[in-house]
All heavy atoms as atom14 arrays in JSON, in Angstrom:
{
  "sequence": "RDEHRVRIHALDALDYLGLAHFAERPVMGFPFATLKRIELARALARH",
  "atom14_mask": [
    [1, 1, 1, 1, 1, 1, 1, 1, 1, 1, 1, 0, 0, 0],
    [1, 1, 1, 1, 1, 1, 1, 1, 0, 0, 0, 0, 0, 0],
    [1, 1, 1, 1, 1, 1, 1, 1, 1, 0, 0, 0, 0, 0],
    [1, 1, 1, 1, 1, 1, 1, 1, 1, 1, 0, 0, 0, 0],
    [1, 1, 1, 1, 1, 1, 1, 1, 1, 1, 1, 0, 0, 0],
    [1, 1, 1, 1, 1, 1, 1, 0, 0, 0, 0, 0, 0, 0],
    [1, 1, 1, 1, 1, 1, 1, 1, 1, 1, 1, 0, 0, 0],
    [1, 1, 1, 1, 1, 1, 1, 1, 0, 0, 0, 0, 0, 0],
    [1, 1, 1, 1, 1, 1, 1, 1, 1, 1, 0, 0, 0, 0],
    [1, 1, 1, 1, 1, 0, 0, 0, 0, 0, 0, 0, 0, 0],
    [1, 1, 1, 1, 1, 1, 1, 1, 0, 0, 0, 0, 0, 0],
    [1, 1, 1, 1, 1, 1, 1, 1, 0, 0, 0, 0, 0, 0],
    [1, 1, 1, 1, 1, 0, 0, 0, 0, 0, 0, 0, 0, 0],
    [1, 1, 1, 1, 1, 1, 1, 1, 0, 0, 0, 0, 0, 0],
    [1, 1, 1, 1, 1, 1, 1, 1, 0, 0, 0, 0, 0, 0],
    [1, 1, 1, 1, 1, 1, 1, 1, 1, 1, 1, 1, 0, 0],
    [1, 1, 1, 1, 1, 1, 1, 1, 0, 0, 0, 0, 0, 0],
    [1, 1, 1, 1, 0, 0, 0, 0, 0, 0, 0, 0, 0, 0],
    [1, 1, 1, 1, 1, 1, 1, 1, 0, 0, 0, 0, 0, 0],
    [1, 1, 1, 1, 1, 0, 0, 0, 0, 0, 0, 0, 0, 0],
    [1, 1, 1, 1, 1, 1, 1, 1, 1, 1, 0, 0, 0, 0],
    [1, 1, 1, 1, 1, 1, 1, 1, 1, 1, 1, 0, 0, 0],
    [1, 1, 1, 1, 1, 0, 0, 0, 0, 0, 0, 0, 0, 0],
    [1, 1, 1, 1, 1, 1, 1, 1, 1, 0, 0, 0, 0, 0],
    [1, 1, 1, 1, 1, 1, 1, 1, 1, 1, 1, 0, 0, 0],
    [1, 1, 1, 1, 1, 1, 1, 0, 0, 0, 0, 0, 0, 0],
    [1, 1, 1, 1, 1, 1, 1, 0, 0, 0, 0, 0, 0, 0],
    [1, 1, 1, 1, 1, 1, 1, 1, 0, 0, 0, 0, 0, 0],
    [1, 1, 1, 1, 0, 0, 0, 0, 0, 0, 0, 0, 0, 0],
    [1, 1, 1, 1, 1, 1, 1, 1, 1, 1, 1, 0, 0, 0],
    [1, 1, 1, 1, 1, 1, 1, 0, 0, 0, 0, 0, 0, 0],
    [1, 1, 1, 1, 1, 1, 1, 1, 1, 1, 1, 0, 0, 0],
    [1, 1, 1, 1, 1, 0, 0, 0, 0, 0, 0, 0, 0, 0],
    [1, 1, 1, 1, 1, 1, 1, 0, 0, 0, 0, 0, 0, 0],
    [1, 1, 1, 1, 1, 1, 1, 1, 0, 0, 0, 0, 0, 0],
    [1, 1, 1, 1, 1, 1, 1, 1, 1, 0, 0, 0, 0, 0],
    [1, 1, 1, 1, 1, 1, 1, 1, 1, 1, 1, 0, 0, 0],
    [1, 1, 1, 1, 1, 1, 1, 1, 0, 0, 0, 0, 0, 0],
    [1, 1, 1, 1, 1, 1, 1, 1, 1, 0, 0, 0, 0, 0],
    [1, 1, 1, 1, 1, 1, 1, 1, 0, 0, 0, 0, 0, 0],
    [1, 1, 1, 1, 1, 0, 0, 0, 0, 0, 0, 0, 0, 0],
    [1, 1, 1, 1, 1, 1, 1, 1, 1, 1, 1, 0, 0, 0],
    [1, 1, 1, 1, 1, 0, 0, 0, 0, 0, 0, 0, 0, 0],
    [1, 1, 1, 1, 1, 1, 1, 1, 0, 0, 0, 0, 0, 0],
    [1, 1, 1, 1, 1, 0, 0, 0, 0, 0, 0, 0, 0, 0],
    [1, 1, 1, 1, 1, 1, 1, 1, 1, 1, 1, 0, 0, 0],
    [1, 1, 1, 1, 1, 1, 1, 1, 1, 1, 0, 0, 0, 0]
  ],
  "atom14_positions": [
    [[0.8, -1.22, -0.02], [0.0, 0.0, 0.01], [0.86, 1.27, 0.01], [0.41, 2.33, -0.42], [-0.93, 0.01, 1.19], [-2.06, -1.0, 1.09], [-3.0, -0.93, 2.29], [-2.35, -1.27, 3.57], [-2.29, -2.51, 4.02], [-2.93, -3.48, 3.39], [-1.72, -2.75, 5.15], [0.0, 0.0, 0.0], [0.0, 0.0, 0.0], [0.0, 0.0, 0.0]],
    [[2.1, 1.18, 0.51], [2.95, 2.32, 0.63], [3.74, 2.53, -0.66], [4.92, 2.25, -0.77], [3.86, 2.2, 1.81], [4.55, 3.5, 2.21], [4.48, 4.46, 1.36], [5.13, 3.56, 3.3], [0.0, 0.0, 0.0], [0.0, 0.0, 0.0], [0.0, 0.0, 0.0], [0.0, 0.0, 0.0], [0.0, 0.0, 0.0], [0.0, 0.0, 0.0]],
    [[3.02, 2.94, -1.75], [3.66, 2.99, -3.08], [4.79, 3.98, -3.13], [5.8, 3.78, -3.82], [2.58, 3.33, -4.12], [1.56, 2.25, -4.29], [0.55, 2.63, -5.4], [0.77, 3.64, -6.07], [-0.4, 1.85, -5.51], [0.0, 0.0, 0.0], [0.0, 0.0, 0.0], [0.0, 0.0, 0.0], [0.0, 0.0, 0.0], [0.0, 0.0, 0.0]],
    [[4.68, 5.09, -2.44], [5.77, 6.11, -2.43], [7.03, 5.54, -1.83], [8.12, 5.71, -2.4], [5.3, 7.37, -1.69], [6.34, 8.42, -1.66], [6.78, 9.13, -2.74], [7.08, 8.93, -0.59], [7.71, 9.97, -2.36], [7.92, 9.88, -1.09], [0.0, 0.0, 0.0], [0.0, 0.0, 0.0], [0.0, 0.0, 0.0], [0.0, 0.0, 0.0]],
    [[6.91, 4.89, -0.7], [8.06, 4.29, -0.06], [8.67, 3.21, -0.94], [9.92, 3.11, -1.01], [7.65, 3.71, 1.32], [8.81, 3.2, 2.12], [8.34, 2.62, 3.42], [9.44, 2.09, 4.17], [9.31, 1.15, 5.15], [8.12, 0.65, 5.42], [10.34, 0.69, 5.8], [0.0, 0.0, 0.0], [0.0, 0.0, 0.0], [0.0, 0.0, 0.0]],
    [[7.85, 2.4, -1.54], [8.37, 1.32, -2.45], [9.21, 1.96, -3.57], [10.31, 1.43, -3.86], [7.2, 0.51, -3.04], [7.65, -0.37, -4.17], [6.53, -0.35, -1.95], [0.0, 0.0, 0.0], [0.0, 0.0, 0.0], [0.0, 0.0, 0.0], [0.0, 0.0, 0.0], [0.0, 0.0, 0.0], [0.0, 0.0, 0.0], [0.0, 0.0, 0.0]],
    [[8.7, 2.99, -4.17], [9.43, 3.66, -5.26], [10.77, 4.21, -4.78], [11.78, 4.13, -5.5], [8.54, 4.74, -5.87], [9.18, 5.35, -7.17], [8.22, 6.35, -7.76], [8.77, 6.92, -8.99], [8.66, 6.38, -10.2], [8.0, 5.25, -10.34], [9.22, 6.94, -11.22], [0.0, 0.0, 0.0], [0.0, 0.0, 0.0], [0.0, 0.0, 0.0]],
    [[10.76, 4.86, -3.63], [12.02, 5.42, -3.06], [13.03, 4.29, -2.87], [14.22, 4.41, -3.2], [11.72, 6.18, -1.76], [10.98, 7.48, -2.09], [13.04, 6.45, -1.02], [10.53, 8.23, -0.83], [0.0, 0.0, 0.0], [0.0, 0.0, 0.0], [0.0, 0.0, 0.0], [0.0, 0.0, 0.0], [0.0, 0.0, 0.0], [0.0, 0.0, 0.0]],
    [[12.59, 3.17, -2.28], [13.54, 2.04, -2.04], [14.07, 1.53, -3.35], [15.31, 1.21, -3.45], [12.78, 0.95, -1.29], [12.64, 1.18, 0.15], [12.69, 0.22, 1.09], [12.45, 2.33, 0.86], [12.52, 0.73, 2.29], [12.38, 1.99, 2.16], [0.0, 0.0, 0.0], [0.0, 0.0, 0.0], [0.0, 0.0, 0.0], [0.0, 0.0, 0.0]],
    [[13.28, 1.41, -4.38], [13.73, 0.94, -5.66], [14.74, 1.9, -6.28], [15.78, 1.45, -6.78], [12.53, 0.7, -6.61], [0.0, 0.0, 0.0], [0.0, 0.0, 0.0], [0.0, 0.0, 0.0], [0.0, 0.0, 0.0], [0.0, 0.0, 0.0], [0.0, 0.0, 0.0], [0.0, 0.0, 0.0], [0.0, 0.0, 0.0], [0.0, 0.0, 0.0]],
    [[14.45, 3.21, -6.27], [15.31, 4.17, -6.86], [16.69, 4.22, -6.05], [17.76, 4.43, -6.64], [14.69, 5.55, -6.87], [13.57, 5.7, -7.93], [12.81, 7.01, -7.73], [14.12, 5.61, -9.35], [0.0, 0.0, 0.0], [0.0, 0.0, 0.0], [0.0, 0.0, 0.0], [0.0, 0.0, 0.0], [0.0, 0.0, 0.0], [0.0, 0.0, 0.0]],
    [[16.58, 4.12, -4.72], [17.81, 4.09, -3.92], [18.71, 2.93, -4.27], [19.94, 3.08, -4.38], [17.45, 4.03, -2.45], [16.92, 5.34, -1.9], [17.06, 6.36, -2.57], [16.4, 5.34, -0.75], [0.0, 0.0, 0.0], [0.0, 0.0, 0.0], [0.0, 0.0, 0.0], [0.0, 0.0, 0.0], [0.0, 0.0, 0.0], [0.0, 0.0, 0.0]],
    [[18.08, 1.74, -4.48], [18.88, 0.57, -4.85], [19.59, 0.76, -6.21], [20.72, 0.43, -6.38], [18.02, -0.66, -4.86], [0.0, 0.0, 0.0], [0.0, 0.0, 0.0], [0.0, 0.0, 0.0], [0.0, 0.0, 0.0], [0.0, 0.0, 0.0], [0.0, 0.0, 0.0], [0.0, 0.0, 0.0], [0.0, 0.0, 0.0], [0.0, 0.0, 0.0]],
    [[18.85, 1.33, -7.18], [19.42, 1.59, -8.49], [20.54, 2.63, -8.38], [21.6, 2.46, -9.03], [18.32, 2.09, -9.47], [17.33, 1.05, -9.89], [16.23, 1.69, -10.68], [17.99, -0.04, -10.74], [0.0, 0.0, 0.0], [0.0, 0.0, 0.0], [0.0, 0.0, 0.0], [0.0, 0.0, 0.0], [0.0, 0.0, 0.0], [0.0, 0.0, 0.0]],
    [[20.34, 3.66, -7.55], [21.37, 4.67, -7.42], [22.65, 4.09, -6.77], [23.74, 4.41, -7.21], [20.83, 5.83, -6.56], [21.78, 6.99, -6.45], [22.26, 7.45, -7.46], [22.07, 7.38, -5.31], [0.0, 0.0, 0.0], [0.0, 0.0, 0.0], [0.0, 0.0, 0.0], [0.0, 0.0, 0.0], [0.0, 0.0, 0.0], [0.0, 0.0, 0.0]],
    [[22.48, 3.25, -5.79], [23.62, 2.65, -5.09], [24.48, 1.84, -6.1], [25.7, 1.84, -5.98], [23.14, 1.75, -3.99], [24.25, 1.12, -3.18], [24.89, 1.84, -2.19], [24.69, -0.18, -3.43], [25.93, 1.31, -1.44], [25.73, -0.75, -2.71], [26.36, 0.02, -1.74], [27.39, -0.53, -1.04], [0.0, 0.0, 0.0], [0.0, 0.0, 0.0]],
    [[23.81, 1.18, -7.01], [24.54, 0.3, -7.96], [24.89, 1.06, -9.29], [25.33, 0.42, -10.26], [23.73, -0.91, -8.27], [23.54, -1.87, -7.07], [22.6, -3.02, -7.43], [24.89, -2.39, -6.6], [0.0, 0.0, 0.0], [0.0, 0.0, 0.0], [0.0, 0.0, 0.0], [0.0, 0.0, 0.0], [0.0, 0.0, 0.0], [0.0, 0.0, 0.0]],
    [[24.67, 2.37, -9.31], [25.02, 3.13, -10.5], [24.09, 2.9, -11.68], [24.52, 3.05, -12.86], [0.0, 0.0, 0.0], [0.0, 0.0, 0.0], [0.0, 0.0, 0.0], [0.0, 0.0, 0.0], [0.0, 0.0, 0.0], [0.0, 0.0, 0.0], [0.0, 0.0, 0.0], [0.0, 0.0, 0.0], [0.0, 0.0, 0.0], [0.0, 0.0, 0.0]],
    [[22.83, 2.59, -11.41], [21.88, 2.26, -12.48], [20.78, 3.24, -12.61], [19.86, 3.06, -13.43], [21.3, 0.85, -12.27], [22.28, -0.31, -12.26], [21.58, -1.57, -11.71], [22.81, -0.56, -13.7], [0.0, 0.0, 0.0], [0.0, 0.0, 0.0], [0.0, 0.0, 0.0], [0.0, 0.0, 0.0], [0.0, 0.0, 0.0], [0.0, 0.0, 0.0]],
    [[20.78, 4.29, -11.84], [19.63, 5.24, -11.78], [19.34, 5.83, -13.16], [18.16, 6.05, -13.5], [19.87, 6.32, -10.75], [0.0, 0.0, 0.0], [0.0, 0.0, 0.0], [0.0, 0.0, 0.0], [0.0, 0.0, 0.0], [0.0, 0.0, 0.0], [0.0, 0.0, 0.0], [0.0, 0.0, 0.0], [0.0, 0.0, 0.0], [0.0, 0.0, 0.0]],
    [[20.38, 6.08, -13.94], [20.12, 6.72, -15.27], [19.54, 5.74, -16.28], [19.11, 6.14, -17.37], [21.46, 7.27, -15.82], [22.55, 6.26, -15.92], [23.09, 5.63, -14.78], [23.26, 5.78, -16.98], [24.06, 4.86, -15.18], [24.17, 4.91, -16.47], [0.0, 0.0, 0.0], [0.0, 0.0, 0.0], [0.0, 0.0, 0.0], [0.0, 0.0, 0.0]],
    [[19.44, 4.44, -15.89], [18.79, 3.44, -16.76], [17.36, 3.16, -16.33], [16.67, 2.28, -16.89], [19.56, 2.15, -16.71], [20.93, 2.2, -17.31], [21.98, 1.46, -16.77], [21.21, 2.91, -18.48], [23.23, 1.48, -17.29], [22.46, 2.96, -19.02], [23.5, 2.23, -18.43], [0.0, 0.0, 0.0], [0.0, 0.0, 0.0], [0.0, 0.0, 0.0]],
    [[16.87, 3.84, -15.34], [15.63, 3.46, -14.64], [14.47, 3.27, -15.6], [13.65, 2.32, -15.44], [15.26, 4.47, -13.57], [0.0, 0.0, 0.0], [0.0, 0.0, 0.0], [0.0, 0.0, 0.0], [0.0, 0.0, 0.0], [0.0, 0.0, 0.0], [0.0, 0.0, 0.0], [0.0, 0.0, 0.0], [0.0, 0.0, 0.0], [0.0, 0.0, 0.0]],
    [[14.32, 4.15, -16.59], [13.13, 4.11, -17.45], [13.36, 3.28, -18.72], [12.42, 3.15, -19.52], [12.69, 5.53, -17.8], [12.34, 6.4, -16.6], [11.26, 5.79, -15.72], [10.36, 5.07, -16.27], [11.3, 6.01, -14.52], [0.0, 0.0, 0.0], [0.0, 0.0, 0.0], [0.0, 0.0, 0.0], [0.0, 0.0, 0.0], [0.0, 0.0, 0.0]],
    [[14.54, 2.78, -18.93], [14.81, 1.98, -20.12], [14.31, 0.55, -19.93], [14.41, -0.02, -18.83], [16.31, 1.99, -20.41], [16.84, 3.28, -20.99], [18.31, 3.24, -21.31], [18.65, 2.05, -22.11], [19.87, 1.78, -22.51], [20.88, 2.61, -22.17], [20.16, 0.73, -23.26], [0.0, 0.0, 0.0], [0.0, 0.0, 0.0], [0.0, 0.0, 0.0]],
    [[13.87, -0.09, -20.99], [13.49, -1.51, -20.91], [14.73, -2.36, -20.67], [15.83, -2.02, -21.11], [12.84, -1.82, -22.24], [13.36, -0.76, -23.17], [13.6, 0.46, -22.33], [0.0, 0.0, 0.0], [0.0, 0.0, 0.0], [0.0, 0.0, 0.0], [0.0, 0.0, 0.0], [0.0, 0.0, 0.0], [0.0, 0.0, 0.0], [0.0, 0.0, 0.0]],
    [[14.55, -3.48, -19.96], [15.64, -4.36, -19.63], [16.24, -5.0, -20.86], [17.49, -5.2, -20.93], [15.15, -5.41, -18.65], [16.16, -6.59, -18.53], [14.94, -4.82, -17.26], [0.0, 0.0, 0.0], [0.0, 0.0, 0.0], [0.0, 0.0, 0.0], [0.0, 0.0, 0.0], [0.0, 0.0, 0.0], [0.0, 0.0, 0.0], [0.0, 0.0, 0.0]],
    [[15.43, -5.29, -21.87], [15.93, -5.92, -23.05], [17.05, -5.14, -23.72], [16.97, -3.97, -23.92], [14.77, -6.12, -24.05], [15.11, -6.9, -25.31], [13.71, -7.07, -26.41], [12.5, -7.91, -25.37], [0.0, 0.0, 0.0], [0.0, 0.0, 0.0], [0.0, 0.0, 0.0], [0.0, 0.0, 0.0], [0.0, 0.0, 0.0], [0.0, 0.0, 0.0]],
    [[18.12, -5.83, -24.03], [19.23, -5.21, -24.73], [20.45, -4.86, -23.9], [21.49, -4.56, -24.41], [0.0, 0.0, 0.0], [0.0, 0.0, 0.0], [0.0, 0.0, 0.0], [0.0, 0.0, 0.0], [0.0, 0.0, 0.0], [0.0, 0.0, 0.0], [0.0, 0.0, 0.0], [0.0, 0.0, 0.0], [0.0, 0.0, 0.0], [0.0, 0.0, 0.0]],
    [[20.28, -4.91, -22.55], [21.42, -4.63, -21.69], [22.42, -5.82, -21.72], [22.04, -6.96, -21.85], [20.99, -4.37, -20.27], [20.48, -3.01, -19.99], [19.13, -2.83, -19.73], [21.31, -1.9, -20.05], [18.62, -1.54, -19.54], [20.82, -0.62, -19.81], [19.46, -0.46, -19.56], [0.0, 0.0, 0.0], [0.0, 0.0, 0.0], [0.0, 0.0, 0.0]],
    [[23.73, -5.54, -21.56], [24.7, -6.62, -21.46], [24.46, -7.43, -20.2], [23.85, -6.98, -19.2], [26.06, -5.92, -21.45], [25.75, -4.52, -21.03], [24.36, -4.19, -21.53], [0.0, 0.0, 0.0], [0.0, 0.0, 0.0], [0.0, 0.0, 0.0], [0.0, 0.0, 0.0], [0.0, 0.0, 0.0], [0.0, 0.0, 0.0], [0.0, 0.0, 0.0]],
    [[24.98, -8.62, -20.21], [24.75, -9.59, -19.13], [25.17, -9.03, -17.73], [24.44, -9.2, -16.77], [25.43, -10.9, -19.42], [25.07, -12.01, -18.47], [23.81, -12.61, -18.49], [25.99, -12.45, -17.5], [23.49, -13.62, -17.62], [25.68, -13.47, -16.6], [24.41, -14.03, -16.67], [0.0, 0.0, 0.0], [0.0, 0.0, 0.0], [0.0, 0.0, 0.0]],
    [[26.31, -8.39, -17.69], [26.78, -7.88, -16.39], [25.81, -6.83, -15.81], [25.6, -6.76, -14.63], [28.17, -7.27, -16.55], [0.0, 0.0, 0.0], [0.0, 0.0, 0.0], [0.0, 0.0, 0.0], [0.0, 0.0, 0.0], [0.0, 0.0, 0.0], [0.0, 0.0, 0.0], [0.0, 0.0, 0.0], [0.0, 0.0, 0.0], [0.0, 0.0, 0.0]],
    [[25.22, -6.03, -16.69], [24.23, -5.03, -16.24], [22.96, -5.7, -15.73], [22.37, -5.32, -14.78], [23.91, -4.06, -17.34], [25.12, -3.43, -17.78], [22.92, -2.99, -16.86], [0.0, 0.0, 0.0], [0.0, 0.0, 0.0], [0.0, 0.0, 0.0], [0.0, 0.0, 0.0], [0.0, 0.0, 0.0], [0.0, 0.0, 0.0], [0.0, 0.0, 0.0]],
    [[22.55, -6.77, -16.46], [21.38, -7.54, -16.03], [21.58, -8.11, -14.61], [20.67, -8.11, -13.78], [21.05, -8.64, -16.98], [20.68, -8.25, -18.41], [20.45, -9.48, -19.29], [19.42, -7.37, -18.42], [0.0, 0.0, 0.0], [0.0, 0.0, 0.0], [0.0, 0.0, 0.0], [0.0, 0.0, 0.0], [0.0, 0.0, 0.0], [0.0, 0.0, 0.0]],
    [[22.83, -8.56, -14.35], [23.13, -9.09, -13.01], [22.97, -7.98, -11.96], [22.46, -8.2, -10.87], [24.6, -9.6, -13.02], [24.75, -10.93, -13.74], [24.4, -12.07, -12.8], [24.82, -13.42, -13.41], [24.61, -14.54, -12.51], [0.0, 0.0, 0.0], [0.0, 0.0, 0.0], [0.0, 0.0, 0.0], [0.0, 0.0, 0.0], [0.0, 0.0, 0.0]],
    [[23.42, -6.79, -12.3], [23.31, -5.69, -11.34], [21.85, -5.29, -11.13], [21.41, -4.91, -10.01], [24.07, -4.44, -11.83], [25.56, -4.5, -11.53], [26.17, -3.17, -11.73], [26.28, -2.81, -13.13], [26.4, -1.55, -13.58], [26.39, -0.52, -12.75], [26.5, -1.32, -14.89], [0.0, 0.0, 0.0], [0.0, 0.0, 0.0], [0.0, 0.0, 0.0]],
    [[21.03, -5.36, -12.2], [19.62, -5.05, -12.02], [18.93, -6.02, -11.13], [18.14, -5.64, -10.23], [18.91, -5.0, -13.42], [19.47, -3.88, -14.3], [17.4, -4.88, -13.27], [19.06, -3.94, -15.72], [0.0, 0.0, 0.0], [0.0, 0.0, 0.0], [0.0, 0.0, 0.0], [0.0, 0.0, 0.0], [0.0, 0.0, 0.0], [0.0, 0.0, 0.0]],
    [[19.26, -7.31, -11.27], [18.71, -8.27, -10.41], [19.16, -8.09, -8.94], [18.39, -8.24, -8.0], [19.07, -9.7, -10.85], [18.33, -10.76, -10.02], [18.58, -12.16, -10.51], [19.72, -12.51, -10.83], [17.56, -12.92, -10.63], [0.0, 0.0, 0.0], [0.0, 0.0, 0.0], [0.0, 0.0, 0.0], [0.0, 0.0, 0.0], [0.0, 0.0, 0.0]],
    [[20.4, -7.71, -8.78], [20.92, -7.41, -7.43], [20.18, -6.21, -6.86], [19.81, -6.23, -5.65], [22.41, -7.16, -7.48], [23.08, -6.78, -6.17], [22.84, -7.88, -5.13], [24.56, -6.51, -6.39], [0.0, 0.0, 0.0], [0.0, 0.0, 0.0], [0.0, 0.0, 0.0], [0.0, 0.0, 0.0], [0.0, 0.0, 0.0], [0.0, 0.0, 0.0]],
    [[19.92, -5.18, -7.66], [19.17, -4.04, -7.18], [17.78, -4.43, -6.73], [17.26, -3.89, -5.74], [19.05, -2.96, -8.28], [0.0, 0.0, 0.0], [0.0, 0.0, 0.0], [0.0, 0.0, 0.0], [0.0, 0.0, 0.0], [0.0, 0.0, 0.0], [0.0, 0.0, 0.0], [0.0, 0.0, 0.0], [0.0, 0.0, 0.0], [0.0, 0.0, 0.0]],
    [[17.16, -5.36, -7.43], [15.84, -5.84, -7.07], [15.86, -6.5, -5.67], [14.98, -6.32, -4.88], [15.3, -6.79, -8.14], [13.9, -7.25, -7.87], [13.3, -7.99, -9.04], [14.02, -9.19, -9.36], [13.74, -9.96, -10.41], [12.74, -9.65, -11.23], [14.41, -11.04, -10.63], [0.0, 0.0, 0.0], [0.0, 0.0, 0.0], [0.0, 0.0, 0.0]],
    [[16.93, -7.25, -5.43], [17.05, -7.9, -4.11], [17.33, -6.87, -3.04], [16.77, -6.98, -1.91], [18.17, -8.94, -4.16], [0.0, 0.0, 0.0], [0.0, 0.0, 0.0], [0.0, 0.0, 0.0], [0.0, 0.0, 0.0], [0.0, 0.0, 0.0], [0.0, 0.0, 0.0], [0.0, 0.0, 0.0], [0.0, 0.0, 0.0], [0.0, 0.0, 0.0]],
    [[18.17, -5.9, -3.33], [18.5, -4.85, -2.33], [17.3, -3.96, -1.98], [17.19, -3.43, -0.89], [19.65, -3.99, -2.83], [20.99, -4.62, -2.88], [22.04, -3.63, -3.47], [21.44, -5.12, -1.55], [0.0, 0.0, 0.0], [0.0, 0.0, 0.0], [0.0, 0.0, 0.0], [0.0, 0.0, 0.0], [0.0, 0.0, 0.0], [0.0, 0.0, 0.0]],
    [[16.38, -3.8, -2.97], [15.22, -2.96, -2.73], [14.3, -3.47, -1.68], [13.48, -2.7, -1.12], [14.44, -2.76, -4.04], [0.0, 0.0, 0.0], [0.0, 0.0, 0.0], [0.0, 0.0, 0.0], [0.0, 0.0, 0.0], [0.0, 0.0, 0.0], [0.0, 0.0, 0.0], [0.0, 0.0, 0.0], [0.0, 0.0, 0.0], [0.0, 0.0, 0.0]],
    [[14.47, -4.72, -1.31], [13.7, -5.3, -0.2], [14.23, -4.93, 1.17], [13.66, -5.23, 2.16], [13.7, -6.82, -0.32], [13.07, -7.38, -1.57], [13.05, -8.93, -1.5], [12.32, -9.5, -2.63], [12.91, -10.22, -3.58], [14.18, -10.45, -3.51], [12.19, -10.7, -4.59], [0.0, 0.0, 0.0], [0.0, 0.0, 0.0], [0.0, 0.0, 0.0]],
    [[15.4, -4.26, 1.16], [16.11, -3.95, 2.42], [16.33, -5.23, 3.28], [15.9, -5.32, 4.42], [15.37, -2.89, 3.22], [15.61, -1.5, 2.72], [16.27, -0.56, 3.4], [15.28, -0.96, 1.52], [16.33, 0.55, 2.69], [15.73, 0.34, 1.51], [0.0, 0.0, 0.0], [0.0, 0.0, 0.0], [0.0, 0.0, 0.0], [0.0, 0.0, 0.0]]
  ]
}
């Protein structure tokens, strides 16, 4: 229900891993190492 907090956590995780500038881009087409970082960001967003 706390959509604002969820979004902040997700953006913080992307920022920490240097991915914030990719936030609005579709995942398709990124190199494998970047996909690994995106998946890690998803795990970190859970705190």
